[in-house]
Amino acid sequence: MGFQDTFKALADPARRKILMLLRNGSMTAGEIANNFEMSAATISYHLSQLKKCDLVRESKFKNYIIYELNTSVFEELMLWLSQFGGDKNE
């Protein structure tokens, strides 16, 4: 996935909230859903969009799917964005 898809995923406020929740550590889909007033199917859709852009990873533990941030994608984004700041004469 390219930056275009990543920025599209980040444009949604619900997805940004999911990412902020995951900033504090791994969570199950149910734990994430407890922070929203939307259906489990809608949360699942948002998680799938974040996974598609590789912003979120999932792993299985017993009967649970655990979600966590993929910080390497954020680092790549920050590196790309950093080229627009600083001294323009470099």
N, C-alpha and C. Protein backbone atom coordinates (compact mmCIF):
# COMPACT_ATOMS: atom_id res chain seq x y z
N MET A 1 0.83 -1.19 0.00
CA MET A 1 0.00 0.00 0.00
C MET A 1 0.87 1.25 0.00
N GLY A 2 0.42 2.24 -0.71
CA GLY A 2 1.19 3.48 -0.78
C GLY A 2 0.66 4.53 0.17
N PHE A 3 1.32 5.67 0.13
CA PHE A 3 0.94 6.77 1.00
C PHE A 3 -0.50 7.21 0.76
N GLN A 4 -0.95 7.16 -0.49
CA GLN A 4 -2.31 7.59 -0.81
C GLN A 4 -3.33 6.80 0.00
N ASP A 5 -3.18 5.48 0.05
CA ASP A 5 -4.09 4.64 0.81
C ASP A 5 -3.95 4.87 2.31
N THR A 6 -2.72 5.10 2.75
CA THR A 6 -2.49 5.36 4.17
C THR A 6 -3.17 6.65 4.60
N PHE A 7 -3.00 7.71 3.81
CA PHE A 7 -3.64 8.99 4.15
C PHE A 7 -5.16 8.88 4.08
N LYS A 8 -5.66 8.09 3.15
CA LYS A 8 -7.11 7.87 3.07
C LYS A 8 -7.61 7.19 4.34
N ALA A 9 -6.88 6.20 4.82
CA ALA A 9 -7.26 5.51 6.05
C ALA A 9 -7.20 6.46 7.24
N LEU A 10 -6.19 7.32 7.27
CA LEU A 10 -6.03 8.26 8.38
C LEU A 10 -7.06 9.39 8.35
N ALA A 11 -7.71 9.58 7.23
CA ALA A 11 -8.68 10.66 7.10
C ALA A 11 -9.95 10.41 7.92
N ASP A 12 -10.21 9.16 8.27
CA ASP A 12 -11.43 8.83 9.01
C ASP A 12 -11.22 9.02 10.51
N PRO A 13 -12.07 9.80 11.18
CA PRO A 13 -11.88 10.06 12.61
C PRO A 13 -11.99 8.80 13.48
N ALA A 14 -12.82 7.85 13.11
CA ALA A 14 -12.94 6.61 13.89
C ALA A 14 -11.63 5.83 13.83
N ARG A 15 -11.02 5.79 12.67
CA ARG A 15 -9.74 5.07 12.53
C ARG A 15 -8.63 5.77 13.30
N ARG A 16 -8.65 7.10 13.28
CA ARG A 16 -7.65 7.83 14.07
C ARG A 16 -7.84 7.55 15.56
N LYS A 17 -9.08 7.45 16.00
CA LYS A 17 -9.34 7.14 17.40
C LYS A 17 -8.85 5.74 17.74
N ILE A 18 -9.07 4.78 16.85
CA ILE A 18 -8.56 3.41 17.06
C ILE A 18 -7.05 3.45 17.21
N LEU A 19 -6.37 4.19 16.35
CA LEU A 19 -4.92 4.28 16.43
C LEU A 19 -4.48 4.91 17.74
N MET A 20 -5.20 5.91 18.20
CA MET A 20 -4.86 6.54 19.48
C MET A 20 -5.05 5.56 20.64
N LEU A 21 -6.07 4.74 20.58
CA LEU A 21 -6.29 3.72 21.61
C LEU A 21 -5.14 2.72 21.61
N LEU A 22 -4.73 2.31 20.41
CA LEU A 22 -3.66 1.31 20.30
C LEU A 22 -2.29 1.89 20.67
N ARG A 23 -2.19 3.19 20.70
CA ARG A 23 -0.94 3.83 21.09
C ARG A 23 -0.55 3.43 22.51
N ASN A 24 -1.56 3.12 23.32
CA ASN A 24 -1.33 2.74 24.72
C ASN A 24 -1.06 1.25 24.89
N GLY A 25 -1.12 0.48 23.82
CA GLY A 25 -0.84 -0.95 23.90
C GLY A 25 -1.84 -1.77 23.10
N SER A 26 -1.56 -3.04 23.01
CA SER A 26 -2.39 -3.97 22.24
C SER A 26 -3.78 -4.10 22.85
N MET A 27 -4.76 -4.34 21.97
CA MET A 27 -6.15 -4.50 22.41
C MET A 27 -6.86 -5.52 21.53
N THR A 28 -7.88 -6.15 22.09
CA THR A 28 -8.74 -7.01 21.28
C THR A 28 -9.78 -6.14 20.57
N ALA A 29 -10.46 -6.72 19.59
CA ALA A 29 -11.50 -5.98 18.88
C ALA A 29 -12.61 -5.56 19.85
N GLY A 30 -12.94 -6.42 20.79
CA GLY A 30 -13.97 -6.10 21.77
C GLY A 30 -13.58 -4.93 22.65
N GLU A 31 -12.32 -4.89 23.06
CA GLU A 31 -11.84 -3.77 23.88
C GLU A 31 -11.88 -2.47 23.08
N ILE A 32 -11.54 -2.56 21.81
CA ILE A 32 -11.61 -1.37 20.95
C ILE A 32 -13.07 -0.94 20.80
N ALA A 33 -13.95 -1.90 20.53
CA ALA A 33 -15.36 -1.59 20.31
C ALA A 33 -16.01 -0.94 21.53
N ASN A 34 -15.53 -1.28 22.72
CA ASN A 34 -16.10 -0.69 23.94
C ASN A 34 -15.93 0.82 24.00
N ASN A 35 -15.07 1.37 23.17
CA ASN A 35 -14.81 2.81 23.16
C ASN A 35 -15.63 3.55 22.10
N PHE A 36 -16.54 2.84 21.43
CA PHE A 36 -17.32 3.41 20.34
C PHE A 36 -18.79 3.08 20.51
N GLU A 37 -19.62 3.88 19.90
CA GLU A 37 -21.05 3.59 19.82
C GLU A 37 -21.37 3.21 18.38
N MET A 38 -20.78 2.11 17.93
CA MET A 38 -21.04 1.60 16.59
C MET A 38 -21.01 0.08 16.66
N SER A 39 -21.51 -0.55 15.63
CA SER A 39 -21.61 -2.00 15.63
C SER A 39 -20.24 -2.66 15.54
N ALA A 40 -20.20 -3.91 15.96
CA ALA A 40 -18.96 -4.68 15.87
C ALA A 40 -18.53 -4.83 14.41
N ALA A 41 -19.50 -4.93 13.51
CA ALA A 41 -19.18 -5.04 12.08
C ALA A 41 -18.50 -3.78 11.57
N THR A 42 -18.93 -2.63 12.05
CA THR A 42 -18.32 -1.37 11.63
C THR A 42 -16.90 -1.26 12.17
N ILE A 43 -16.70 -1.66 13.42
CA ILE A 43 -15.35 -1.66 14.00
C ILE A 43 -14.46 -2.61 13.20
N SER A 44 -14.99 -3.77 12.86
CA SER A 44 -14.23 -4.74 12.07
C SER A 44 -13.83 -4.16 10.72
N TYR A 45 -14.74 -3.42 10.09
CA TYR A 45 -14.43 -2.78 8.81
C TYR A 45 -13.28 -1.79 8.97
N HIS A 46 -13.36 -0.95 10.00
CA HIS A 46 -12.30 0.04 10.22
C HIS A 46 -10.96 -0.65 10.50
N LEU A 47 -10.98 -1.70 11.28
CA LEU A 47 -9.75 -2.45 11.54
C LEU A 47 -9.19 -3.06 10.27
N SER A 48 -10.06 -3.57 9.42
CA SER A 48 -9.57 -4.16 8.16
C SER A 48 -8.94 -3.11 7.26
N GLN A 49 -9.48 -1.88 7.26
CA GLN A 49 -8.89 -0.80 6.47
C GLN A 49 -7.52 -0.42 7.02
N LEU A 50 -7.39 -0.39 8.34
CA LEU A 50 -6.10 -0.08 8.95
C LEU A 50 -5.08 -1.19 8.70
N LYS A 51 -5.54 -2.44 8.71
CA LYS A 51 -4.64 -3.57 8.42
C LYS A 51 -4.21 -3.54 6.96
N LYS A 52 -5.13 -3.19 6.07
CA LYS A 52 -4.82 -3.14 4.64
C LYS A 52 -3.68 -2.17 4.36
N CYS A 53 -3.62 -1.09 5.12
CA CYS A 53 -2.55 -0.09 4.96
C CYS A 53 -1.36 -0.40 5.84
N ASP A 54 -1.43 -1.49 6.56
CA ASP A 54 -0.34 -1.95 7.43
C ASP A 54 -0.09 -1.02 8.62
N LEU A 55 -1.08 -0.21 8.96
CA LEU A 55 -0.95 0.65 10.14
C LEU A 55 -1.17 -0.15 11.42
N VAL A 56 -1.88 -1.26 11.29
CA VAL A 56 -2.22 -2.12 12.43
C VAL A 56 -1.87 -3.55 12.07
N ARG A 57 -1.34 -4.26 13.05
CA ARG A 57 -1.06 -5.69 12.89
C ARG A 57 -2.00 -6.47 13.79
N GLU A 58 -2.24 -7.71 13.41
CA GLU A 58 -3.05 -8.57 14.26
C GLU A 58 -2.30 -9.86 14.56
N SER A 59 -2.57 -10.39 15.73
CA SER A 59 -2.03 -11.70 16.10
C SER A 59 -3.12 -12.43 16.86
N LYS A 60 -3.03 -13.74 16.86
CA LYS A 60 -4.05 -14.55 17.54
C LYS A 60 -3.51 -15.09 18.84
N PHE A 61 -4.36 -15.04 19.86
CA PHE A 61 -4.04 -15.61 21.16
C PHE A 61 -5.31 -16.30 21.66
N LYS A 62 -5.25 -17.62 21.74
CA LYS A 62 -6.43 -18.43 22.10
C LYS A 62 -7.57 -18.08 21.16
N ASN A 63 -8.69 -17.61 21.68
CA ASN A 63 -9.85 -17.28 20.84
C ASN A 63 -9.92 -15.79 20.49
N TYR A 64 -8.86 -15.07 20.73
CA TYR A 64 -8.86 -13.62 20.55
C TYR A 64 -7.93 -13.21 19.42
N ILE A 65 -8.29 -12.12 18.78
CA ILE A 65 -7.39 -11.46 17.84
C ILE A 65 -6.94 -10.19 18.53
N ILE A 66 -5.64 -10.04 18.63
CA ILE A 66 -5.04 -8.89 19.31
C ILE A 66 -4.53 -7.92 18.23
N TYR A 67 -4.85 -6.66 18.40
CA TYR A 67 -4.43 -5.62 17.45
C TYR A 67 -3.37 -4.74 18.10
N GLU A 68 -2.39 -4.33 17.29
CA GLU A 68 -1.35 -3.43 17.77
C GLU A 68 -0.89 -2.54 16.63
N LEU A 69 -0.31 -1.39 16.99
CA LEU A 69 0.21 -0.47 15.99
C LEU A 69 1.42 -1.07 15.29
N ASN A 70 1.57 -0.75 14.03
CA ASN A 70 2.78 -1.07 13.29
C ASN A 70 3.57 0.24 13.20
N THR A 71 4.43 0.44 14.17
CA THR A 71 5.13 1.73 14.27
C THR A 71 6.07 1.99 13.10
N SER A 72 6.52 0.97 12.42
CA SER A 72 7.43 1.20 11.29
C SER A 72 6.76 2.00 10.18
N VAL A 73 5.47 1.82 9.98
CA VAL A 73 4.76 2.60 8.97
C VAL A 73 4.68 4.07 9.39
N PHE A 74 4.45 4.30 10.68
CA PHE A 74 4.42 5.68 11.17
C PHE A 74 5.79 6.33 11.05
N GLU A 75 6.84 5.58 11.30
CA GLU A 75 8.20 6.11 11.15
C GLU A 75 8.47 6.48 9.70
N GLU A 76 8.03 5.64 8.78
CA GLU A 76 8.21 5.92 7.36
C GLU A 76 7.43 7.18 6.96
N LEU A 77 6.22 7.32 7.46
CA LEU A 77 5.42 8.51 7.19
C LEU A 77 6.09 9.77 7.72
N MET A 78 6.58 9.70 8.95
CA MET A 78 7.23 10.87 9.56
C MET A 78 8.50 11.24 8.79
N LEU A 79 9.24 10.26 8.36
CA LEU A 79 10.44 10.52 7.57
C LEU A 79 10.07 11.23 6.27
N TRP A 80 9.04 10.76 5.61
CA TRP A 80 8.60 11.36 4.36
C TRP A 80 8.13 12.80 4.61
N LEU A 81 7.32 13.00 5.67
CA LEU A 81 6.81 14.33 5.97
C LEU A 81 7.91 15.30 6.38
N SER A 82 8.96 14.80 7.01
CA SER A 82 10.03 15.67 7.49
C SER A 82 10.75 16.40 6.36
N GLN A 83 10.66 15.90 5.16
CA GLN A 83 11.34 16.57 4.04
C GLN A 83 10.69 17.91 3.69
N PHE A 84 9.51 18.17 4.23
CA PHE A 84 8.81 19.42 3.94
C PHE A 84 9.07 20.51 4.99
N GLY A 85 9.87 20.20 6.00
CA GLY A 85 10.19 21.18 7.03
C GLY A 85 11.65 21.55 6.97
N GLY A 86 12.04 22.39 7.89
CA GLY A 86 13.46 22.73 7.99
C GLY A 86 13.92 23.72 6.92
N ASP A 87 15.24 23.76 6.75
CA ASP A 87 15.89 24.69 5.83
C ASP A 87 15.66 24.25 4.39
N LYS A 88 15.09 25.11 3.60
CA LYS A 88 14.78 24.78 2.21
C LYS A 88 16.00 24.89 1.30
N ASN A 89 17.12 25.40 1.82
CA ASN A 89 18.34 25.56 1.01
C ASN A 89 19.23 24.31 1.03
N GLU A 90 18.82 23.29 1.74
CA GLU A 90 19.65 22.08 1.83
C GLU A 90 19.56 21.25 0.57
